[in-house]
PDB file of N, CA and C in Angstrom:
ATOM      1  N   MET A   1     -41.077  -5.821 -70.326  1.00  0.00           N
ATOM      2  CA  MET A   1     -41.302  -7.204 -69.976  1.00  0.00           C
ATOM      3  C   MET A   1     -41.190  -7.413 -68.463  1.00  0.00           C
ATOM      4  N   GLU A   2     -40.307  -6.654 -67.825  1.00  0.00           N
ATOM      5  CA  GLU A   2     -40.158  -6.788 -66.380  1.00  0.00           C
ATOM      6  C   GLU A   2     -41.423  -6.354 -65.658  1.00  0.00           C
ATOM      7  N   ARG A   3     -42.057  -5.292 -66.146  1.00  0.00           N
ATOM      8  CA  ARG A   3     -43.302  -4.830 -65.522  1.00  0.00           C
ATOM      9  C   ARG A   3     -44.408  -5.855 -65.701  1.00  0.00           C
ATOM     10  N   TRP A   4     -44.420  -6.526 -66.843  1.00  0.00           N
ATOM     11  CA  TRP A   4     -45.444  -7.535 -67.101  1.00  0.00           C
ATOM     12  C   TRP A   4     -45.290  -8.697 -66.119  1.00  0.00           C
ATOM     13  N   ILE A   5     -44.065  -9.184 -65.947  1.00  0.00           N
ATOM     14  CA  ILE A   5     -43.821 -10.299 -65.028  1.00  0.00           C
ATOM     15  C   ILE A   5     -44.106  -9.867 -63.591  1.00  0.00           C
ATOM     16  N   ALA A   6     -43.670  -8.673 -63.233  1.00  0.00           N
ATOM     17  CA  ALA A   6     -43.940  -8.172 -61.884  1.00  0.00           C
ATOM     18  C   ALA A   6     -45.440  -8.022 -61.660  1.00  0.00           C
ATOM     19  N   GLY A   7     -46.149  -7.543 -62.672  1.00  0.00           N
ATOM     20  CA  GLY A   7     -47.595  -7.403 -62.568  1.00  0.00           C
ATOM     21  C   GLY A   7     -48.285  -8.743 -62.390  1.00  0.00           C
ATOM     22  N   LEU A   8     -47.832  -9.760 -63.137  1.00  0.00           N
ATOM     23  CA  LEU A   8     -48.408 -11.093 -62.977  1.00  0.00           C
ATOM     24  C   LEU A   8     -48.193 -11.615 -61.558  1.00  0.00           C
ATOM     25  N   LEU A   9     -46.998 -11.410 -61.034  1.00  0.00           N
ATOM     26  CA  LEU A   9     -46.711 -11.858 -59.672  1.00  0.00           C
ATOM     27  C   LEU A   9     -47.562 -11.113 -58.645  1.00  0.00           C
ATOM     28  N   VAL A  10     -47.748  -9.828 -58.843  1.00  0.00           N
ATOM     29  CA  VAL A  10     -48.606  -9.054 -57.941  1.00  0.00           C
ATOM     30  C   VAL A  10     -50.057  -9.552 -58.040  1.00  0.00           C
ATOM     31  N   GLY A  11     -50.503  -9.859 -59.243  1.00  0.00           N
ATOM     32  CA  GLY A  11     -51.854 -10.378 -59.411  1.00  0.00           C
ATOM     33  C   GLY A  11     -52.056 -11.707 -58.708  1.00  0.00           C
ATOM     34  N   VAL A  12     -51.079 -12.580 -58.809  1.00  0.00           N
ATOM     35  CA  VAL A  12     -51.153 -13.862 -58.106  1.00  0.00           C
ATOM     36  C   VAL A  12     -51.162 -13.627 -56.599  1.00  0.00           C
ATOM     37  N   ALA A  13     -50.344 -12.686 -56.133  1.00  0.00           N
ATOM     38  CA  ALA A  13     -50.314 -12.367 -54.700  1.00  0.00           C
ATOM     39  C   ALA A  13     -51.659 -11.813 -54.232  1.00  0.00           C
ATOM     40  N   VAL A  14     -52.272 -10.951 -55.032  1.00  0.00           N
ATOM     41  CA  VAL A  14     -53.583 -10.400 -54.670  1.00  0.00           C
ATOM     42  C   VAL A  14     -54.632 -11.513 -54.633  1.00  0.00           C
ATOM     43  N   ALA A  15     -54.565 -12.442 -55.566  1.00  0.00           N
ATOM     44  CA  ALA A  15     -55.511 -13.562 -55.555  1.00  0.00           C
ATOM     45  C   ALA A  15     -55.312 -14.417 -54.310  1.00  0.00           C
ATOM     46  N   LEU A  16     -54.071 -14.632 -53.907  1.00  0.00           N
ATOM     47  CA  LEU A  16     -53.809 -15.390 -52.683  1.00  0.00           C
ATOM     48  C   LEU A  16     -54.293 -14.630 -51.451  1.00  0.00           C
ATOM     49  N   VAL A  17     -54.132 -13.315 -51.443  1.00  0.00           N
ATOM     50  CA  VAL A  17     -54.657 -12.509 -50.341  1.00  0.00           C
ATOM     51  C   VAL A  17     -56.174 -12.627 -50.296  1.00  0.00           C
ATOM     52  N   THR A  18     -56.808 -12.701 -51.461  1.00  0.00           N
ATOM     53  CA  THR A  18     -58.254 -12.858 -51.520  1.00  0.00           C
ATOM     54  C   THR A  18     -58.691 -14.163 -50.865  1.00  0.00           C
ATOM     55  N   VAL A  19     -57.909 -15.210 -51.040  1.00  0.00           N
ATOM     56  CA  VAL A  19     -58.230 -16.485 -50.416  1.00  0.00           C
ATOM     57  C   VAL A  19     -58.019 -16.415 -48.904  1.00  0.00           C
ATOM     58  N   LEU A  20     -56.930 -15.784 -48.474  1.00  0.00           N
ATOM     59  CA  LEU A  20     -56.603 -15.730 -47.050  1.00  0.00           C
ATOM     60  C   LEU A  20     -57.419 -14.689 -46.286  1.00  0.00           C
ATOM     61  N   MET A  21     -57.603 -13.520 -46.892  1.00  0.00           N
ATOM     62  CA  MET A  21     -58.368 -12.441 -46.271  1.00  0.00           C
ATOM     63  C   MET A  21     -59.350 -11.903 -47.315  1.00  0.00           C
ATOM     64  N   PRO A  22     -60.514 -12.542 -47.441  1.00  0.00           N
ATOM     65  CA  PRO A  22     -61.426 -12.219 -48.540  1.00  0.00           C
ATOM     66  C   PRO A  22     -61.801 -10.740 -48.650  1.00  0.00           C
ATOM     67  N   VAL A  23     -62.061 -10.079 -47.546  1.00  0.00           N
ATOM     68  CA  VAL A  23     -62.492  -8.675 -47.618  1.00  0.00           C
ATOM     69  C   VAL A  23     -61.377  -7.805 -48.189  1.00  0.00           C
ATOM     70  N   VAL A  24     -60.171  -7.984 -47.701  1.00  0.00           N
ATOM     71  CA  VAL A  24     -59.038  -7.196 -48.188  1.00  0.00           C
ATOM     72  C   VAL A  24     -58.773  -7.506 -49.658  1.00  0.00           C
ATOM     73  N   GLY A  25     -58.809  -8.784 -50.006  1.00  0.00           N
ATOM     74  CA  GLY A  25     -58.565  -9.180 -51.393  1.00  0.00           C
ATOM     75  C   GLY A  25     -59.595  -8.626 -52.350  1.00  0.00           C
ATOM     76  N   VAL A  26     -60.858  -8.692 -51.973  1.00  0.00           N
ATOM     77  CA  VAL A  26     -61.915  -8.168 -52.849  1.00  0.00           C
ATOM     78  C   VAL A  26     -61.786  -6.659 -52.995  1.00  0.00           C
ATOM     79  N   ILE A  27     -61.419  -5.979 -51.922  1.00  0.00           N
ATOM     80  CA  ILE A  27     -61.206  -4.524 -52.020  1.00  0.00           C
ATOM     81  C   ILE A  27     -60.059  -4.226 -52.979  1.00  0.00           C
ATOM     82  N   LEU A  28     -58.969  -4.994 -52.895  1.00  0.00           N
ATOM     83  CA  LEU A  28     -57.845  -4.793 -53.826  1.00  0.00           C
ATOM     84  C   LEU A  28     -58.267  -5.042 -55.275  1.00  0.00           C
ATOM     85  N   ILE A  29     -59.049  -6.098 -55.488  1.00  0.00           N
ATOM     86  CA  ILE A  29     -59.529  -6.388 -56.846  1.00  0.00           C
ATOM     87  C   ILE A  29     -60.434  -5.262 -57.338  1.00  0.00           C
ATOM     88  N   LEU A  30     -61.328  -4.771 -56.489  1.00  0.00           N
ATOM     89  CA  LEU A  30     -62.220  -3.677 -56.897  1.00  0.00           C
ATOM     90  C   LEU A  30     -61.436  -2.405 -57.214  1.00  0.00           C
ATOM     91  N   VAL A  31     -60.423  -2.120 -56.411  1.00  0.00           N
ATOM     92  CA  VAL A  31     -59.576  -0.949 -56.687  1.00  0.00           C
ATOM     93  C   VAL A  31     -58.889  -1.116 -58.042  1.00  0.00           C
ATOM     94  N   GLY A  32     -58.391  -2.328 -58.314  1.00  0.00           N
ATOM     95  CA  GLY A  32     -57.761  -2.598 -59.606  1.00  0.00           C
ATOM     96  C   GLY A  32     -58.733  -2.454 -60.760  1.00  0.00           C
ATOM     97  N   LEU A  33     -59.965  -2.936 -60.575  1.00  0.00           N
ATOM     98  CA  LEU A  33     -60.967  -2.810 -61.643  1.00  0.00           C
ATOM     99  C   LEU A  33     -61.358  -1.354 -61.871  1.00  0.00           C
ATOM    100  N   VAL A  34     -61.497  -0.591 -60.795  1.00  0.00           N
ATOM    101  CA  VAL A  34     -61.829   0.827 -60.945  1.00  0.00           C
ATOM    102  C   VAL A  34     -60.682   1.570 -61.629  1.00  0.00           C
ATOM    103  N   ALA A  35     -59.462   1.298 -61.211  1.00  0.00           N
ATOM    104  CA  ALA A  35     -58.306   1.931 -61.862  1.00  0.00           C
ATOM    105  C   ALA A  35     -58.237   1.531 -63.329  1.00  0.00           C
ATOM    106  N   GLY A  36     -58.548   0.279 -63.618  1.00  0.00           N
ATOM    107  CA  GLY A  36     -58.581  -0.174 -65.011  1.00  0.00           C
ATOM    108  C   GLY A  36     -59.665   0.522 -65.802  1.00  0.00           C
ATOM    109  N   GLY A  37     -60.817   0.693 -65.193  1.00  0.00           N
ATOM    110  CA  GLY A  37     -61.900   1.414 -65.861  1.00  0.00           C
ATOM    111  C   GLY A  37     -61.531   2.853 -66.152  1.00  0.00           C
ATOM    112  N   VAL A  38     -60.855   3.486 -65.211  1.00  0.00           N
ATOM    113  CA  VAL A  38     -60.408   4.867 -65.420  1.00  0.00           C
ATOM    114  C   VAL A  38     -59.407   4.928 -66.565  1.00  0.00           C
ATOM    115  N   LEU A  39     -58.477   3.967 -66.604  1.00  0.00           N
ATOM    116  CA  LEU A  39     -57.502   3.948 -67.697  1.00  0.00           C
ATOM    117  C   LEU A  39     -58.169   3.716 -69.050  1.00  0.00           C
ATOM    118  N   LEU A  40     -59.227   2.905 -69.057  1.00  0.00           N
ATOM    119  CA  LEU A  40     -59.911   2.633 -70.326  1.00  0.00           C
ATOM    120  C   LEU A  40     -60.733   3.825 -70.803  1.00  0.00           C
ATOM    121  N   VAL A  41     -61.327   4.566 -69.867  1.00  0.00           N
ATOM    122  CA  VAL A  41     -62.199   5.681 -70.234  1.00  0.00           C
ATOM    123  C   VAL A  41     -61.399   6.928 -70.608  1.00  0.00           C
ATOM    124  N   ARG A  42     -60.361   7.216 -69.842  1.00  0.00           N
ATOM    125  CA  ARG A  42     -59.572   8.413 -70.106  1.00  0.00           C
ATOM    126  C   ARG A  42     -58.725   8.226 -71.357  1.00  0.00           C
ATOM    127  N   GLN A  43     -58.427   9.299 -71.989  1.00  0.00           N
ATOM    128  CA  GLN A  43     -57.647   9.267 -73.224  1.00  0.00           C
ATOM    129  C   GLN A  43     -56.164   9.504 -72.965  1.00  0.00           C
ATOM    130  N   THR A  44     -55.701   9.166 -71.770  1.00  0.00           N
ATOM    131  CA  THR A  44     -54.289   9.374 -71.454  1.00  0.00           C
ATOM    132  C   THR A  44     -53.498   8.115 -71.772  1.00  0.00           C
ATOM    133  N   ARG A  45     -52.212   8.294 -71.881  1.00  0.00           N
ATOM    134  CA  ARG A  45     -51.333   7.143 -72.080  1.00  0.00           C
ATOM    135  C   ARG A  45     -51.006   6.564 -70.712  1.00  0.00           C
ATOM    136  N   GLY A  46     -51.308   5.298 -70.542  1.00  0.00           N
ATOM    137  CA  GLY A  46     -51.015   4.638 -69.275  1.00  0.00           C
ATOM    138  C   GLY A  46     -49.575   4.208 -69.187  1.00  0.00           C
ATOM    139  N   GLY A  47     -48.980   3.892 -70.330  1.00  0.00           N
ATOM    140  CA  GLY A  47     -47.597   3.468 -70.348  1.00  0.00           C
ATOM    141  C   GLY A  47     -47.356   2.198 -69.571  1.00  0.00           C
ATOM    142  N   GLY A  48     -46.263   2.225 -68.821  1.00  0.00           N
ATOM    143  CA  GLY A  48     -45.867   1.052 -68.056  1.00  0.00           C
ATOM    144  C   GLY A  48     -46.839   0.707 -66.949  1.00  0.00           C
ATOM    145  N   SER A  49     -47.450   1.731 -66.325  1.00  0.00           N
ATOM    146  CA  SER A  49     -48.380   1.413 -65.249  1.00  0.00           C
ATOM    147  C   SER A  49     -49.622   0.721 -65.762  1.00  0.00           C
ATOM    148  N   ALA A  50     -50.050   1.029 -66.958  1.00  0.00           N
ATOM    149  CA  ALA A  50     -51.211   0.339 -67.531  1.00  0.00           C
ATOM    150  C   ALA A  50     -50.894  -1.127 -67.778  1.00  0.00           C
ATOM    151  N   MET A  51     -49.719  -1.401 -68.289  1.00  0.00           N
ATOM    152  CA  MET A  51     -49.327  -2.787 -68.523  1.00  0.00           C
ATOM    153  C   MET A  51     -49.146  -3.537 -67.204  1.00  0.00           C
ATOM    154  N   TYR A  52     -48.618  -2.857 -66.205  1.00  0.00           N
ATOM    155  CA  TYR A  52     -48.451  -3.453 -64.889  1.00  0.00           C
ATOM    156  C   TYR A  52     -49.812  -3.830 -64.306  1.00  0.00           C
ATOM    157  N   LEU A  53     -50.788  -2.906 -64.406  1.00  0.00           N
ATOM    158  CA  LEU A  53     -52.136  -3.169 -63.908  1.00  0.00           C
ATOM    159  C   LEU A  53     -52.804  -4.275 -64.712  1.00  0.00           C
ATOM    160  N   ALA A  54     -52.635  -4.246 -66.024  1.00  0.00           N
ATOM    161  CA  ALA A  54     -53.226  -5.289 -66.871  1.00  0.00           C
ATOM    162  C   ALA A  54     -52.683  -6.659 -66.492  1.00  0.00           C
ATOM    163  N   ALA A  55     -51.382  -6.751 -66.307  1.00  0.00           N
ATOM    164  CA  ALA A  55     -50.776  -8.030 -65.937  1.00  0.00           C
ATOM    165  C   ALA A  55     -51.237  -8.476 -64.563  1.00  0.00           C
ATOM    166  N   ALA A  56     -51.383  -7.542 -63.623  1.00  0.00           N
ATOM    167  CA  ALA A  56     -51.847  -7.899 -62.282  1.00  0.00           C
ATOM    168  C   ALA A  56     -53.270  -8.437 -62.334  1.00  0.00           C
ATOM    169  N   LEU A  57     -54.124  -7.795 -63.110  1.00  0.00           N
ATOM    170  CA  LEU A  57     -55.508  -8.271 -63.223  1.00  0.00           C
ATOM    171  C   LEU A  57     -55.570  -9.631 -63.917  1.00  0.00           C
ATOM    172  N   ILE A  58     -54.803  -9.799 -64.961  1.00  0.00           N
ATOM    173  CA  ILE A  58     -54.794 -11.089 -65.660  1.00  0.00           C
ATOM    174  C   ILE A  58     -54.230 -12.185 -64.757  1.00  0.00           C
ATOM    175  N   GLY A  59     -53.194 -11.877 -63.994  1.00  0.00           N
ATOM    176  CA  GLY A  59     -52.627 -12.858 -63.069  1.00  0.00           C
ATOM    177  C   GLY A  59     -53.619 -13.272 -61.994  1.00  0.00           C
ATOM    178  N   ALA A  60     -54.318 -12.303 -61.421  1.00  0.00           N
ATOM    179  CA  ALA A  60     -55.317 -12.618 -60.401  1.00  0.00           C
ATOM    180  C   ALA A  60     -56.463 -13.422 -61.001  1.00  0.00           C
ATOM    181  N   GLY A  61     -56.936 -12.998 -62.161  1.00  0.00           N
ATOM    182  CA  GLY A  61     -58.026 -13.720 -62.813  1.00  0.00           C
ATOM    183  C   GLY A  61     -57.649 -15.139 -63.181  1.00  0.00           C
ATOM    184  N   ALA A  62     -56.411 -15.322 -63.603  1.00  0.00           N
ATOM    185  CA  ALA A  62     -55.953 -16.668 -63.958  1.00  0.00           C
ATOM    186  C   ALA A  62     -55.939 -17.578 -62.733  1.00  0.00           C
ATOM    187  N   LEU A  63     -55.506 -17.044 -61.591  1.00  0.00           N
ATOM    188  CA  LEU A  63     -55.504 -17.868 -60.382  1.00  0.00           C
ATOM    189  C   LEU A  63     -56.931 -18.165 -59.926  1.00  0.00           C
ATOM    190  N   PHE A  64     -57.833 -17.208 -60.066  1.00  0.00           N
ATOM    191  CA  PHE A  64     -59.242 -17.475 -59.755  1.00  0.00           C
ATOM    192  C   PHE A  64     -59.789 -18.569 -60.676  1.00  0.00           C
ATOM    193  N   PHE A  65     -59.432 -18.512 -61.942  1.00  0.00           N
ATOM    194  CA  PHE A  65     -59.897 -19.518 -62.891  1.00  0.00           C
ATOM    195  C   PHE A  65     -59.352 -20.900 -62.538  1.00  0.00           C
ATOM    196  N   VAL A  66     -58.089 -20.955 -62.123  1.00  0.00           N
ATOM    197  CA  VAL A  66     -57.512 -22.234 -61.670  1.00  0.00           C
ATOM    198  C   VAL A  66     -58.303 -22.756 -60.474  1.00  0.00           C
ATOM    199  N   GLY A  67     -58.720 -21.868 -59.581  1.00  0.00           N
ATOM    200  CA  GLY A  67     -59.545 -22.275 -58.443  1.00  0.00           C
ATOM    201  C   GLY A  67     -60.874 -22.856 -58.870  1.00  0.00           C
ATOM    202  N   VAL A  68     -61.486 -22.273 -59.891  1.00  0.00           N
ATOM    203  CA  VAL A  68     -62.754 -22.799 -60.416  1.00  0.00           C
ATOM    204  C   VAL A  68     -62.544 -24.186 -60.998  1.00  0.00           C
ATOM    205  N   VAL A  69     -61.514 -24.345 -61.802  1.00  0.00           N
ATOM    206  CA  VAL A  69     -61.232 -25.640 -62.425  1.00  0.00           C
ATOM    207  C   VAL A  69     -60.913 -26.684 -61.358  1.00  0.00           C
ATOM    208  N   ASN A  70     -60.096 -26.303 -60.380  1.00  0.00           N
ATOM    209  CA  ASN A  70     -59.717 -27.223 -59.315  1.00  0.00           C
ATOM    210  C   ASN A  70     -60.941 -27.652 -58.498  1.00  0.00           C
ATOM    211  N   THR A  71     -61.779 -26.704 -58.122  1.00  0.00           N
ATOM    212  CA  THR A  71     -62.969 -27.037 -57.347  1.00  0.00           C
ATOM    213  C   THR A  71     -63.910 -27.924 -58.145  1.00  0.00           C
ATOM    214  N   THR A  72     -64.112 -27.600 -59.409  1.00  0.00           N
ATOM    215  CA  THR A  72     -64.994 -28.401 -60.247  1.00  0.00           C
ATOM    216  C   THR A  72     -64.456 -29.811 -60.424  1.00  0.00           C
ATOM    217  N   ALA A  73     -63.172 -29.938 -60.675  1.00  0.00           N
ATOM    218  CA  ALA A  73     -62.580 -31.263 -60.862  1.00  0.00           C
ATOM    219  C   ALA A  73     -62.609 -32.074 -59.575  1.00  0.00           C
ATOM    220  N   SER A  74     -62.388 -31.427 -58.446  1.00  0.00           N
ATOM    221  CA  SER A  74     -62.367 -32.139 -57.169  1.00  0.00           C
ATOM    222  C   SER A  74     -63.756 -32.536 -56.706  1.00  0.00           C
ATOM    223  N   CYS A  75     -64.745 -31.695 -56.969  1.00  0.00           N
ATOM    224  CA  CYS A  75     -66.083 -31.931 -56.428  1.00  0.00           C
ATOM    225  C   CYS A  75     -67.019 -32.628 -57.403  1.00  0.00           C
ATOM    226  N   TYR A  76     -66.598 -32.807 -58.626  1.00  0.00           N
ATOM    227  CA  TYR A  76     -67.474 -33.390 -59.642  1.00  0.00           C
ATOM    228  C   TYR A  76     -67.936 -34.796 -59.269  1.00  0.00           C
ATOM    229  N   GLU A  77     -67.053 -35.571 -58.682  1.00  0.00           N
ATOM    230  CA  GLU A  77     -67.354 -36.963 -58.361  1.00  0.00           C
ATOM    231  C   GLU A  77     -68.173 -37.122 -57.085  1.00  0.00           C
ATOM    232  N   THR A  78     -68.294 -36.090 -56.271  1.00  0.00           N
ATOM    233  CA  THR A  78     -69.033 -36.224 -55.014  1.00  0.00           C
ATOM    234  C   THR A  78     -70.529 -36.167 -55.268  1.00  0.00           C
ATOM    235  N   VAL A  79     -71.277 -36.731 -54.352  1.00  0.00           N
ATOM    236  CA  VAL A  79     -72.730 -36.801 -54.501  1.00  0.00           C
ATOM    237  C   VAL A  79     -73.363 -35.416 -54.458  1.00  0.00           C
ATOM    238  N   ASP A  80     -72.899 -34.580 -53.543  1.00  0.00           N
ATOM    239  CA  ASP A  80     -73.514 -33.257 -53.378  1.00  0.00           C
ATOM    240  C   ASP A  80     -72.606 -32.109 -53.830  1.00  0.00           C
ATOM    241  N   PHE A  81     -71.657 -32.386 -54.731  1.00  0.00           N
ATOM    242  CA  PHE A  81     -70.720 -31.386 -55.267  1.00  0.00           C
ATOM    243  C   PHE A  81     -70.103 -30.590 -54.128  1.00  0.00           C
ATOM    244  N   CYS A  82     -69.459 -31.307 -53.219  1.00  0.00           N
ATOM    245  CA  CYS A  82     -68.773 -30.716 -52.064  1.00  0.00           C
ATOM    246  C   CYS A  82     -69.707 -29.802 -51.258  1.00  0.00           C
ATOM    247  N   GLY A  83     -70.858 -30.320 -50.902  1.00  0.00           N
ATOM    248  CA  GLY A  83     -71.800 -29.521 -50.117  1.00  0.00           C
ATOM    249  C   GLY A  83     -72.447 -28.430 -50.927  1.00  0.00           C
ATOM    250  N   HIS A  84     -72.693 -28.710 -52.194  1.00  0.00           N
ATOM    251  CA  HIS A  84     -73.321 -27.751 -53.121  1.00  0.00           C
ATOM    252  C   HIS A  84     -72.475 -26.490 -53.278  1.00  0.00           C
ATOM    253  N   ALA A  85     -71.181 -26.692 -53.469  1.00  0.00           N
ATOM    254  CA  ALA A  85     -70.273 -25.563 -53.687  1.00  0.00           C
ATOM    255  C   ALA A  85     -70.702 -24.820 -54.952  1.00  0.00           C
ATOM    256  N   ASN A  86     -70.680 -23.514 -54.880  1.00  0.00           N
ATOM    257  CA  ASN A  86     -71.087 -22.687 -56.011  1.00  0.00           C
ATOM    258  C   ASN A  86     -69.838 -22.006 -56.585  1.00  0.00           C
ATOM    259  N   VAL A  87     -69.411 -22.465 -57.737  1.00  0.00           N
ATOM    260  CA  VAL A  87     -68.211 -21.897 -58.349  1.00  0.00           C
ATOM    261  C   VAL A  87     -68.543 -20.772 -59.330  1.00  0.00           C
ATOM    262  N   VAL A  88     -69.818 -20.522 -59.562  1.00  0.00           N
ATOM    263  CA  VAL A  88     -70.212 -19.510 -60.545  1.00  0.00           C
ATOM    264  C   VAL A  88     -69.729 -18.103 -60.168  1.00  0.00           C
ATOM    265  N   PRO A  89     -69.880 -17.649 -58.908  1.00  0.00           N
ATOM    266  CA  PRO A  89     -69.377 -16.299 -58.595  1.00  0.00           C
ATOM    267  C   PRO A  89     -67.879 -16.149 -58.833  1.00  0.00           C
ATOM    268  N   LEU A  90     -67.107 -17.165 -58.478  1.00  0.00           N
ATOM    269  CA  LEU A  90     -65.666 -17.095 -58.707  1.00  0.00           C
ATOM    270  C   LEU A  90     -65.351 -17.117 -60.199  1.00  0.00           C
ATOM    271  N   LEU A  91     -66.121 -17.873 -60.961  1.00  0.00           N
ATOM    272  CA  LEU A  91     -65.928 -17.900 -62.414  1.00  0.00           C
ATOM    273  C   LEU A  91     -66.243 -16.544 -63.030  1.00  0.00           C
ATOM    274  N   VAL A  92     -67.325 -15.926 -62.585  1.00  0.00           N
ATOM    275  CA  VAL A  92     -67.682 -14.592 -63.098  1.00  0.00           C
ATOM    276  C   VAL A  92     -66.597 -13.582 -62.746  1.00  0.00           C
ATOM    277  N   LEU A  93     -66.111 -13.635 -61.500  1.00  0.00           N
ATOM    278  CA  LEU A  93     -65.030 -12.728 -61.099  1.00  0.00           C
ATOM    279  C   LEU A  93     -63.792 -12.956 -61.952  1.00  0.00           C
ATOM    280  N   ALA A  94     -63.446 -14.211 -62.195  1.00  0.00           N
ATOM    281  CA  ALA A  94     -62.271 -14.521 -63.016  1.00  0.00           C
ATOM    282  C   ALA A  94     -62.423 -13.964 -64.426  1.00  0.00           C
ATOM    283  N   VAL A  95     -63.589 -14.166 -65.020  1.00  0.00           N
ATOM    284  CA  VAL A  95     -63.814 -13.703 -66.393  1.00  0.00           C
ATOM    285  C   VAL A  95     -63.771 -12.173 -66.465  1.00  0.00           C
ATOM    286  N   VAL A  96     -64.404 -11.502 -65.510  1.00  0.00           N
ATOM    287  CA  VAL A  96     -64.422 -10.034 -65.518  1.00  0.00           C
ATOM    288  C   VAL A  96     -63.016  -9.475 -65.329  1.00  0.00           C
ATOM    289  N   VAL A  97     -62.275 -10.025 -64.376  1.00  0.00           N
ATOM    290  CA  VAL A  97     -60.924  -9.518 -64.094  1.00  0.00           C
ATOM    291  C   VAL A  97     -60.010  -9.760 -65.293  1.00  0.00           C
ATOM    292  N   ILE A  98     -60.076 -10.939 -65.892  1.00  0.00           N
ATOM    293  CA  ILE A  98     -59.248 -11.223 -67.070  1.00  0.00           C
ATOM    294  C   ILE A  98     -59.663 -10.332 -68.246  1.00  0.00           C
ATOM    295  N   ALA A  99     -60.966 -10.121 -68.421  1.00  0.00           N
ATOM    296  CA  ALA A  99     -61.435  -9.288 -69.533  1.00  0.00           C
ATOM    297  C   ALA A  99     -60.960  -7.846 -69.385  1.00  0.00           C
ATOM    298  N   VAL A 100     -61.092  -7.280 -68.198  1.00  0.00           N
ATOM    299  CA  VAL A 100     -60.643  -5.896 -67.993  1.00  0.00           C
ATOM    300  C   VAL A 100     -59.133  -5.791 -68.171  1.00  0.00           C
ATOM    301  N   GLY A 101     -58.400  -6.751 -67.623  1.00  0.00           N
ATOM    302  CA  GLY A 101     -56.950  -6.751 -67.797  1.00  0.00           C
ATOM    303  C   GLY A 101     -56.557  -6.861 -69.262  1.00  0.00           C
ATOM    304  N   SER A 102     -57.262  -7.700 -70.003  1.00  0.00           N
ATOM    305  CA  SER A 102     -56.971  -7.856 -71.433  1.00  0.00           C
ATOM    306  C   SER A 102     -57.286  -6.588 -72.206  1.00  0.00           C
ATOM    307  N   LEU A 103     -58.404  -5.944 -71.881  1.00  0.00           N
ATOM    308  CA  LEU A 103     -58.745  -4.685 -72.556  1.00  0.00           C
ATOM    309  C   LEU A 103     -57.701  -3.604 -72.288  1.00  0.00           C
ATOM    310  N   ILE A 104     -57.229  -3.537 -71.045  1.00  0.00           N
ATOM    311  CA  ILE A 104     -56.191  -2.553 -70.712  1.00  0.00           C
ATOM    312  C   ILE A 104     -54.913  -2.864 -71.487  1.00  0.00           C
ATOM    313  N   ALA A 105     -54.538  -4.135 -71.559  1.00  0.00           N
ATOM    314  CA  ALA A 105     -53.324  -4.517 -72.289  1.00  0.00           C
ATOM    315  C   ALA A 105     -53.458  -4.200 -73.779  1.00  0.00           C
ATOM    316  N   ILE A 106     -54.593  -4.524 -74.360  1.00  0.00           N
ATOM    317  CA  ILE A 106     -54.811  -4.241 -75.787  1.00  0.00           C
ATOM    318  C   ILE A 106     -54.749  -2.750 -76.046  1.00  0.00           C
ATOM    319  N   ARG A 107     -55.394  -1.981 -75.204  1.00  0.00           N
ATOM    320  CA  ARG A 107     -55.383  -0.533 -75.396  1.00  0.00           C
ATOM    321  C   ARG A 107     -53.963   0.029 -75.211  1.00  0.00           C
ATOM    322  N   GLY A 108     -53.238  -0.511 -74.222  1.00  0.00           N
ATOM    323  CA  GLY A 108     -51.870  -0.047 -74.003  1.00  0.00           C
ATOM    324  C   GLY A 108     -50.965  -0.348 -75.184  1.00  0.00           C
ATOM    325  N   ILE A 109     -51.151  -1.534 -75.777  1.00  0.00           N
ATOM    326  CA  ILE A 109     -50.348  -1.905 -76.935  1.00  0.00           C
ATOM    327  C   ILE A 109     -50.698  -1.038 -78.134  1.00  0.00           C
ATOM    328  N   ARG A 110     -51.969  -0.760 -78.323  1.00  0.00           N
ATOM    329  CA  ARG A 110     -52.391   0.070 -79.454  1.00  0.00           C
ATOM    330  C   ARG A 110     -51.925   1.509 -79.313  1.00  0.00           C
ATOM    331  N   ARG A 111     -51.828   2.006 -78.081  1.00  0.00           N
ATOM    332  CA  ARG A 111     -51.421   3.393 -77.873  1.00  0.00           C
ATOM    333  C   ARG A 111     -49.912   3.589 -77.938  1.00  0.00           C
ATOM    334  N   SER A 112     -49.153   2.509 -77.757  1.00  0.00           N
ATOM    335  CA  SER A 112     -47.700   2.683 -77.766  1.00  0.00           C
ATOM    336  C   SER A 112     -47.108   2.525 -79.140  1.00  0.00           C
TER     337      SER A 112
END
């Protein structure tokens, strides 16, 4: 449980880094997705590190999703949707990151 909470906090931190330094944040997210893909493809037991990575990805994706909801709610009433803000890429990133994190968590639970 401690790894799960720590992973969620790391995921939130990575999402905040993505907002502050987009290039660094996106690289961290891509590294996490690649590591998650490797864990899903290989037949090894990830153990605690798999759960840590899953929680980090879910935490980051959840914060991205909150950003989508916040932007949509804030810009919905404006005439030009806050200068034609496009929330679709962030929504896609949120869904992909949460999906990969969930798959890693499910696989980790099934293997343990």
